[in-house]
Amino acid sequence: MTRREEREQAFFLIFEASFSDYCDIELIIQTAIDERAFDNSEYIYNTVIGTINNLNESDKLIGEYSKGWNINRISRVSLAILRMAIYEVLHNENIPQSVAINEAVELAKKYDNDDAPPFINGVLGSIVRRDV
């Protein structure tokens, strides 16, 4: 399985968990592995758990850098993509920031509306540039 495919599976799990307020994430992961043939990879597990464990940090950054957008108005798809990408950008040293941003934009192109990719690119780019 490619990293892109693993990232897509991680996104599905994060999105799915958003409907249960991120409760029982371990059960959601195990069910996906057992019943939906999801890959049991360290990357997927760490990305999903890391994303969920850092929701407050991610949401604060999303709120700060999504100019004119209240976090409650952002689609669940975009929110899941942003949260995962922010986790990768800030906490996964094995993934270059540019790759995390590009992959987030590609997920948005595939699973969200036409406005989502530039929005996600802008928010993530602003977060990356804030420390420069």
N, C-alpha and C. Protein backbone atom coordinates (compact mmCIF):
# COMPACT_ATOMS: atom_id res chain seq x y z
N MET A 1 0.85 -1.18 0.00
CA MET A 1 0.00 0.00 0.00
C MET A 1 0.89 1.24 0.00
N THR A 2 0.55 2.20 -0.84
CA THR A 2 1.35 3.42 -0.92
C THR A 2 1.02 4.34 0.25
N ARG A 3 1.89 5.30 0.49
CA ARG A 3 1.64 6.28 1.55
C ARG A 3 0.38 7.08 1.25
N ARG A 4 0.15 7.39 -0.01
CA ARG A 4 -1.06 8.13 -0.39
C ARG A 4 -2.31 7.33 -0.02
N GLU A 5 -2.29 6.03 -0.28
CA GLU A 5 -3.43 5.17 0.08
C GLU A 5 -3.59 5.08 1.60
N GLU A 6 -2.48 4.99 2.31
CA GLU A 6 -2.55 4.98 3.78
C GLU A 6 -3.12 6.29 4.30
N ARG A 7 -2.68 7.40 3.72
CA ARG A 7 -3.19 8.72 4.13
C ARG A 7 -4.69 8.81 3.88
N GLU A 8 -5.13 8.29 2.76
CA GLU A 8 -6.55 8.31 2.44
C GLU A 8 -7.35 7.49 3.46
N GLN A 9 -6.83 6.34 3.85
CA GLN A 9 -7.50 5.54 4.87
C GLN A 9 -7.52 6.27 6.21
N ALA A 10 -6.42 6.92 6.56
CA ALA A 10 -6.38 7.70 7.80
C ALA A 10 -7.43 8.80 7.75
N PHE A 11 -7.55 9.49 6.63
CA PHE A 11 -8.56 10.53 6.45
C PHE A 11 -9.96 9.95 6.66
N PHE A 12 -10.26 8.78 6.08
CA PHE A 12 -11.57 8.17 6.24
C PHE A 12 -11.88 7.94 7.72
N LEU A 13 -10.90 7.45 8.46
CA LEU A 13 -11.11 7.16 9.88
C LEU A 13 -11.32 8.44 10.70
N ILE A 14 -10.56 9.47 10.39
CA ILE A 14 -10.71 10.75 11.09
C ILE A 14 -12.07 11.35 10.77
N PHE A 15 -12.47 11.29 9.51
CA PHE A 15 -13.79 11.78 9.10
C PHE A 15 -14.89 11.00 9.81
N GLU A 16 -14.77 9.69 9.80
CA GLU A 16 -15.77 8.84 10.46
C GLU A 16 -15.86 9.15 11.95
N ALA A 17 -14.74 9.34 12.59
CA ALA A 17 -14.72 9.62 14.02
C ALA A 17 -15.39 10.95 14.35
N SER A 18 -15.42 11.87 13.40
CA SER A 18 -16.04 13.17 13.66
C SER A 18 -17.54 13.04 13.92
N PHE A 19 -18.16 11.97 13.48
CA PHE A 19 -19.59 11.77 13.70
C PHE A 19 -19.89 11.21 15.09
N SER A 20 -18.86 10.80 15.80
CA SER A 20 -19.05 10.30 17.16
C SER A 20 -18.25 11.13 18.16
N ASP A 21 -17.96 12.38 17.78
CA ASP A 21 -17.17 13.27 18.63
C ASP A 21 -15.84 12.64 19.05
N TYR A 22 -15.29 11.84 18.17
CA TYR A 22 -13.97 11.23 18.33
C TYR A 22 -13.90 10.25 19.49
N CYS A 23 -15.06 9.74 19.92
CA CYS A 23 -15.09 8.72 20.96
C CYS A 23 -14.79 7.36 20.33
N ASP A 24 -14.26 6.48 21.12
CA ASP A 24 -14.02 5.09 20.69
C ASP A 24 -13.20 4.97 19.42
N ILE A 25 -12.19 5.80 19.27
CA ILE A 25 -11.39 5.77 18.05
C ILE A 25 -10.69 4.42 17.87
N GLU A 26 -10.27 3.82 18.98
CA GLU A 26 -9.63 2.50 18.88
C GLU A 26 -10.61 1.48 18.28
N LEU A 27 -11.87 1.54 18.68
CA LEU A 27 -12.88 0.64 18.14
C LEU A 27 -13.13 0.93 16.65
N ILE A 28 -13.17 2.19 16.29
CA ILE A 28 -13.35 2.56 14.88
C ILE A 28 -12.21 2.02 14.03
N ILE A 29 -10.99 2.16 14.52
CA ILE A 29 -9.82 1.66 13.78
C ILE A 29 -9.90 0.14 13.66
N GLN A 30 -10.15 -0.55 14.77
CA GLN A 30 -10.18 -2.01 14.74
C GLN A 30 -11.31 -2.53 13.85
N THR A 31 -12.45 -1.89 13.88
CA THR A 31 -13.56 -2.29 13.02
C THR A 31 -13.20 -2.12 11.55
N ALA A 32 -12.54 -1.03 11.22
CA ALA A 32 -12.13 -0.80 9.83
C ALA A 32 -11.14 -1.87 9.37
N ILE A 33 -10.26 -2.27 10.26
CA ILE A 33 -9.29 -3.32 9.91
C ILE A 33 -9.99 -4.66 9.74
N ASP A 34 -10.86 -4.99 10.69
CA ASP A 34 -11.53 -6.31 10.69
C ASP A 34 -12.60 -6.44 9.61
N GLU A 35 -13.40 -5.41 9.43
CA GLU A 35 -14.58 -5.55 8.59
C GLU A 35 -14.47 -4.88 7.23
N ARG A 36 -13.56 -3.93 7.08
CA ARG A 36 -13.47 -3.22 5.81
C ARG A 36 -12.09 -3.37 5.16
N ALA A 37 -11.31 -4.27 5.66
CA ALA A 37 -9.99 -4.58 5.08
C ALA A 37 -9.06 -3.37 5.01
N PHE A 38 -9.18 -2.47 6.00
CA PHE A 38 -8.23 -1.37 6.08
C PHE A 38 -6.87 -1.93 6.46
N ASP A 39 -5.83 -1.25 6.03
CA ASP A 39 -4.48 -1.67 6.34
C ASP A 39 -4.18 -1.39 7.81
N ASN A 40 -3.50 -2.30 8.44
CA ASN A 40 -3.12 -2.15 9.84
C ASN A 40 -1.70 -1.61 9.89
N SER A 41 -1.51 -0.39 9.40
CA SER A 41 -0.16 0.16 9.34
C SER A 41 0.11 1.11 10.50
N GLU A 42 1.36 1.19 10.84
CA GLU A 42 1.80 2.09 11.91
C GLU A 42 1.51 3.54 11.52
N TYR A 43 1.72 3.87 10.26
CA TYR A 43 1.46 5.24 9.80
C TYR A 43 -0.01 5.62 10.00
N ILE A 44 -0.93 4.75 9.57
CA ILE A 44 -2.35 5.06 9.71
C ILE A 44 -2.71 5.23 11.19
N TYR A 45 -2.32 4.28 12.00
CA TYR A 45 -2.64 4.34 13.43
C TYR A 45 -2.08 5.62 14.06
N ASN A 46 -0.81 5.88 13.85
CA ASN A 46 -0.18 7.06 14.46
C ASN A 46 -0.80 8.36 13.95
N THR A 47 -1.13 8.41 12.68
CA THR A 47 -1.72 9.63 12.11
C THR A 47 -3.12 9.87 12.68
N VAL A 48 -3.92 8.83 12.76
CA VAL A 48 -5.28 8.99 13.29
C VAL A 48 -5.24 9.37 14.76
N ILE A 49 -4.49 8.63 15.55
CA ILE A 49 -4.41 8.90 16.99
C ILE A 49 -3.76 10.27 17.23
N GLY A 50 -2.70 10.57 16.51
CA GLY A 50 -2.02 11.85 16.66
C GLY A 50 -2.92 13.02 16.29
N THR A 51 -3.67 12.87 15.21
CA THR A 51 -4.60 13.92 14.79
C THR A 51 -5.65 14.17 15.87
N ILE A 52 -6.22 13.11 16.38
CA ILE A 52 -7.28 13.24 17.39
C ILE A 52 -6.72 13.77 18.70
N ASN A 53 -5.53 13.36 19.06
CA ASN A 53 -4.93 13.85 20.30
C ASN A 53 -4.54 15.33 20.22
N ASN A 54 -4.46 15.86 19.02
CA ASN A 54 -4.06 17.27 18.83
C ASN A 54 -5.18 18.13 18.26
N LEU A 55 -6.43 17.74 18.47
CA LEU A 55 -7.56 18.49 17.93
C LEU A 55 -7.60 19.94 18.42
N ASN A 56 -7.35 20.15 19.69
CA ASN A 56 -7.41 21.51 20.22
C ASN A 56 -6.39 22.42 19.54
N GLU A 57 -5.18 21.92 19.39
CA GLU A 57 -4.13 22.70 18.73
C GLU A 57 -4.51 22.97 17.27
N SER A 58 -4.96 21.94 16.57
CA SER A 58 -5.34 22.09 15.17
C SER A 58 -6.50 23.06 15.01
N ASP A 59 -7.51 22.90 15.83
CA ASP A 59 -8.69 23.76 15.71
C ASP A 59 -8.36 25.22 16.01
N LYS A 60 -7.46 25.44 16.95
CA LYS A 60 -7.03 26.81 17.25
C LYS A 60 -6.35 27.42 16.02
N LEU A 61 -5.48 26.66 15.38
CA LEU A 61 -4.78 27.15 14.19
C LEU A 61 -5.75 27.35 13.02
N ILE A 62 -6.68 26.43 12.85
CA ILE A 62 -7.67 26.56 11.78
C ILE A 62 -8.47 27.84 12.00
N GLY A 63 -8.92 28.06 13.22
CA GLY A 63 -9.67 29.27 13.54
C GLY A 63 -8.88 30.53 13.29
N GLU A 64 -7.60 30.47 13.61
CA GLU A 64 -6.74 31.64 13.45
C GLU A 64 -6.43 31.95 11.99
N TYR A 65 -6.25 30.92 11.17
CA TYR A 65 -5.78 31.13 9.80
C TYR A 65 -6.85 30.93 8.72
N SER A 66 -8.06 30.60 9.10
CA SER A 66 -9.13 30.51 8.10
C SER A 66 -9.90 31.82 8.12
N LYS A 67 -9.30 32.80 7.53
CA LYS A 67 -9.80 34.18 7.56
C LYS A 67 -11.28 34.26 7.16
N GLY A 68 -12.06 34.80 8.07
CA GLY A 68 -13.46 35.01 7.79
C GLY A 68 -14.33 33.77 7.91
N TRP A 69 -13.75 32.65 8.32
CA TRP A 69 -14.51 31.41 8.44
C TRP A 69 -14.55 30.97 9.89
N ASN A 70 -15.73 30.72 10.38
CA ASN A 70 -15.89 30.11 11.69
C ASN A 70 -15.67 28.61 11.50
N ILE A 71 -14.98 27.98 12.41
CA ILE A 71 -14.67 26.55 12.27
C ILE A 71 -15.94 25.71 12.12
N ASN A 72 -17.05 26.16 12.68
CA ASN A 72 -18.31 25.43 12.58
C ASN A 72 -18.92 25.49 11.18
N ARG A 73 -18.43 26.39 10.34
CA ARG A 73 -18.94 26.51 8.97
C ARG A 73 -18.11 25.70 7.97
N ILE A 74 -17.01 25.16 8.40
CA ILE A 74 -16.14 24.38 7.52
C ILE A 74 -16.71 22.96 7.42
N SER A 75 -16.75 22.42 6.21
CA SER A 75 -17.31 21.08 6.03
C SER A 75 -16.52 20.05 6.84
N ARG A 76 -17.19 18.99 7.22
CA ARG A 76 -16.51 17.91 7.97
C ARG A 76 -15.35 17.32 7.16
N VAL A 77 -15.53 17.25 5.86
CA VAL A 77 -14.47 16.72 4.99
C VAL A 77 -13.24 17.63 5.08
N SER A 78 -13.44 18.93 4.85
CA SER A 78 -12.32 19.86 4.91
C SER A 78 -11.69 19.89 6.30
N LEU A 79 -12.52 19.83 7.32
CA LEU A 79 -12.01 19.85 8.69
C LEU A 79 -11.15 18.62 8.97
N ALA A 80 -11.59 17.46 8.53
CA ALA A 80 -10.80 16.23 8.74
C ALA A 80 -9.48 16.33 7.98
N ILE A 81 -9.52 16.83 6.76
CA ILE A 81 -8.30 16.98 5.97
C ILE A 81 -7.35 17.97 6.62
N LEU A 82 -7.87 19.12 7.03
CA LEU A 82 -7.03 20.14 7.68
C LEU A 82 -6.42 19.61 8.97
N ARG A 83 -7.21 18.97 9.79
CA ARG A 83 -6.70 18.46 11.07
C ARG A 83 -5.57 17.45 10.84
N MET A 84 -5.77 16.55 9.89
CA MET A 84 -4.75 15.55 9.62
C MET A 84 -3.48 16.20 9.07
N ALA A 85 -3.64 17.13 8.15
CA ALA A 85 -2.48 17.79 7.55
C ALA A 85 -1.73 18.62 8.58
N ILE A 86 -2.46 19.29 9.47
CA ILE A 86 -1.78 20.07 10.52
C ILE A 86 -1.00 19.14 11.43
N TYR A 87 -1.57 18.00 11.77
CA TYR A 87 -0.82 17.02 12.57
C TYR A 87 0.46 16.63 11.83
N GLU A 88 0.36 16.32 10.55
CA GLU A 88 1.54 15.91 9.79
C GLU A 88 2.58 17.03 9.72
N VAL A 89 2.11 18.25 9.46
CA VAL A 89 3.03 19.39 9.34
C VAL A 89 3.77 19.65 10.65
N LEU A 90 3.06 19.59 11.75
CA LEU A 90 3.65 19.97 13.03
C LEU A 90 4.30 18.83 13.80
N HIS A 91 3.86 17.59 13.56
CA HIS A 91 4.30 16.51 14.43
C HIS A 91 4.92 15.30 13.74
N ASN A 92 4.90 15.24 12.42
CA ASN A 92 5.50 14.10 11.74
C ASN A 92 6.72 14.58 10.96
N GLU A 93 7.87 14.42 11.56
CA GLU A 93 9.12 14.91 10.96
C GLU A 93 9.54 14.12 9.73
N ASN A 94 8.93 12.96 9.51
CA ASN A 94 9.27 12.13 8.35
C ASN A 94 8.57 12.58 7.07
N ILE A 95 7.64 13.50 7.20
CA ILE A 95 6.89 13.98 6.03
C ILE A 95 7.20 15.45 5.81
N PRO A 96 7.77 15.80 4.67
CA PRO A 96 8.02 17.22 4.39
C PRO A 96 6.71 18.01 4.40
N GLN A 97 6.76 19.22 4.90
CA GLN A 97 5.57 20.05 4.98
C GLN A 97 4.90 20.22 3.63
N SER A 98 5.68 20.41 2.59
CA SER A 98 5.11 20.60 1.26
C SER A 98 4.34 19.35 0.80
N VAL A 99 4.81 18.18 1.18
CA VAL A 99 4.12 16.93 0.82
C VAL A 99 2.80 16.85 1.58
N ALA A 100 2.81 17.16 2.86
CA ALA A 100 1.58 17.12 3.66
C ALA A 100 0.53 18.07 3.08
N ILE A 101 0.97 19.26 2.68
CA ILE A 101 0.04 20.24 2.11
C ILE A 101 -0.49 19.74 0.76
N ASN A 102 0.40 19.28 -0.11
CA ASN A 102 -0.02 18.79 -1.42
C ASN A 102 -0.99 17.62 -1.30
N GLU A 103 -0.72 16.70 -0.40
CA GLU A 103 -1.60 15.54 -0.23
C GLU A 103 -2.96 15.98 0.32
N ALA A 104 -2.98 16.97 1.20
CA ALA A 104 -4.24 17.49 1.72
C ALA A 104 -5.07 18.11 0.59
N VAL A 105 -4.41 18.87 -0.26
CA VAL A 105 -5.11 19.49 -1.40
C VAL A 105 -5.66 18.41 -2.33
N GLU A 106 -4.89 17.36 -2.57
CA GLU A 106 -5.36 16.28 -3.44
C GLU A 106 -6.57 15.56 -2.84
N LEU A 107 -6.57 15.35 -1.52
CA LEU A 107 -7.73 14.76 -0.87
C LEU A 107 -8.96 15.66 -1.02
N ALA A 108 -8.75 16.96 -0.87
CA ALA A 108 -9.85 17.91 -1.02
C ALA A 108 -10.40 17.90 -2.44
N LYS A 109 -9.54 17.79 -3.43
CA LYS A 109 -9.99 17.72 -4.83
C LYS A 109 -10.85 16.49 -5.06
N LYS A 110 -10.49 15.41 -4.39
CA LYS A 110 -11.18 14.14 -4.59
C LYS A 110 -12.49 14.04 -3.79
N TYR A 111 -12.52 14.62 -2.59
CA TYR A 111 -13.65 14.37 -1.69
C TYR A 111 -14.46 15.59 -1.28
N ASP A 112 -14.07 16.78 -1.67
CA ASP A 112 -14.82 17.96 -1.25
C ASP A 112 -15.19 18.80 -2.47
N ASN A 113 -15.79 19.94 -2.27
CA ASN A 113 -16.24 20.77 -3.39
C ASN A 113 -15.06 21.57 -3.97
N ASP A 114 -15.33 22.29 -5.04
CA ASP A 114 -14.28 23.00 -5.78
C ASP A 114 -13.62 24.12 -4.99
N ASP A 115 -14.31 24.64 -3.98
CA ASP A 115 -13.74 25.71 -3.17
C ASP A 115 -12.76 25.20 -2.12
N ALA A 116 -12.83 23.93 -1.80
CA ALA A 116 -12.03 23.37 -0.71
C ALA A 116 -10.52 23.35 -0.98
N PRO A 117 -10.05 22.90 -2.15
CA PRO A 117 -8.60 22.82 -2.33
C PRO A 117 -7.86 24.15 -2.13
N PRO A 118 -8.32 25.27 -2.74
CA PRO A 118 -7.58 26.51 -2.49
C PRO A 118 -7.71 26.98 -1.03
N PHE A 119 -8.85 26.73 -0.41
CA PHE A 119 -9.04 27.10 0.98
C PHE A 119 -8.05 26.33 1.86
N ILE A 120 -7.98 25.03 1.67
CA ILE A 120 -7.08 24.18 2.46
C ILE A 120 -5.63 24.57 2.21
N ASN A 121 -5.28 24.80 0.96
CA ASN A 121 -3.92 25.22 0.62
C ASN A 121 -3.57 26.53 1.32
N GLY A 122 -4.49 27.47 1.31
CA GLY A 122 -4.25 28.77 1.94
C GLY A 122 -4.07 28.68 3.44
N VAL A 123 -4.93 27.93 4.10
CA VAL A 123 -4.84 27.78 5.55
C VAL A 123 -3.53 27.09 5.92
N LEU A 124 -3.23 25.99 5.26
CA LEU A 124 -2.00 25.25 5.58
C LEU A 124 -0.75 26.06 5.26
N GLY A 125 -0.78 26.75 4.12
CA GLY A 125 0.36 27.59 3.76
C GLY A 125 0.60 28.68 4.80
N SER A 126 -0.47 29.29 5.29
CA SER A 126 -0.33 30.33 6.32
C SER A 126 0.22 29.76 7.62
N ILE A 127 -0.21 28.56 7.97
CA ILE A 127 0.30 27.93 9.19
C ILE A 127 1.79 27.64 9.06
N VAL A 128 2.21 27.14 7.92
CA VAL A 128 3.63 26.83 7.71
C VAL A 128 4.47 28.11 7.72
N ARG A 129 3.96 29.16 7.11
CA ARG A 129 4.71 30.42 7.01
C ARG A 129 4.76 31.20 8.31
N ARG A 130 3.92 30.90 9.26
CA ARG A 130 3.84 31.68 10.49
C ARG A 130 5.16 31.66 11.28
N ASP A 131 5.92 30.60 11.15
CA ASP A 131 7.17 30.46 11.91
C ASP A 131 8.39 30.90 11.13
N VAL A 132 8.20 31.33 9.89
CA VAL A 132 9.34 31.68 9.04
C VAL A 132 9.85 33.07 9.38
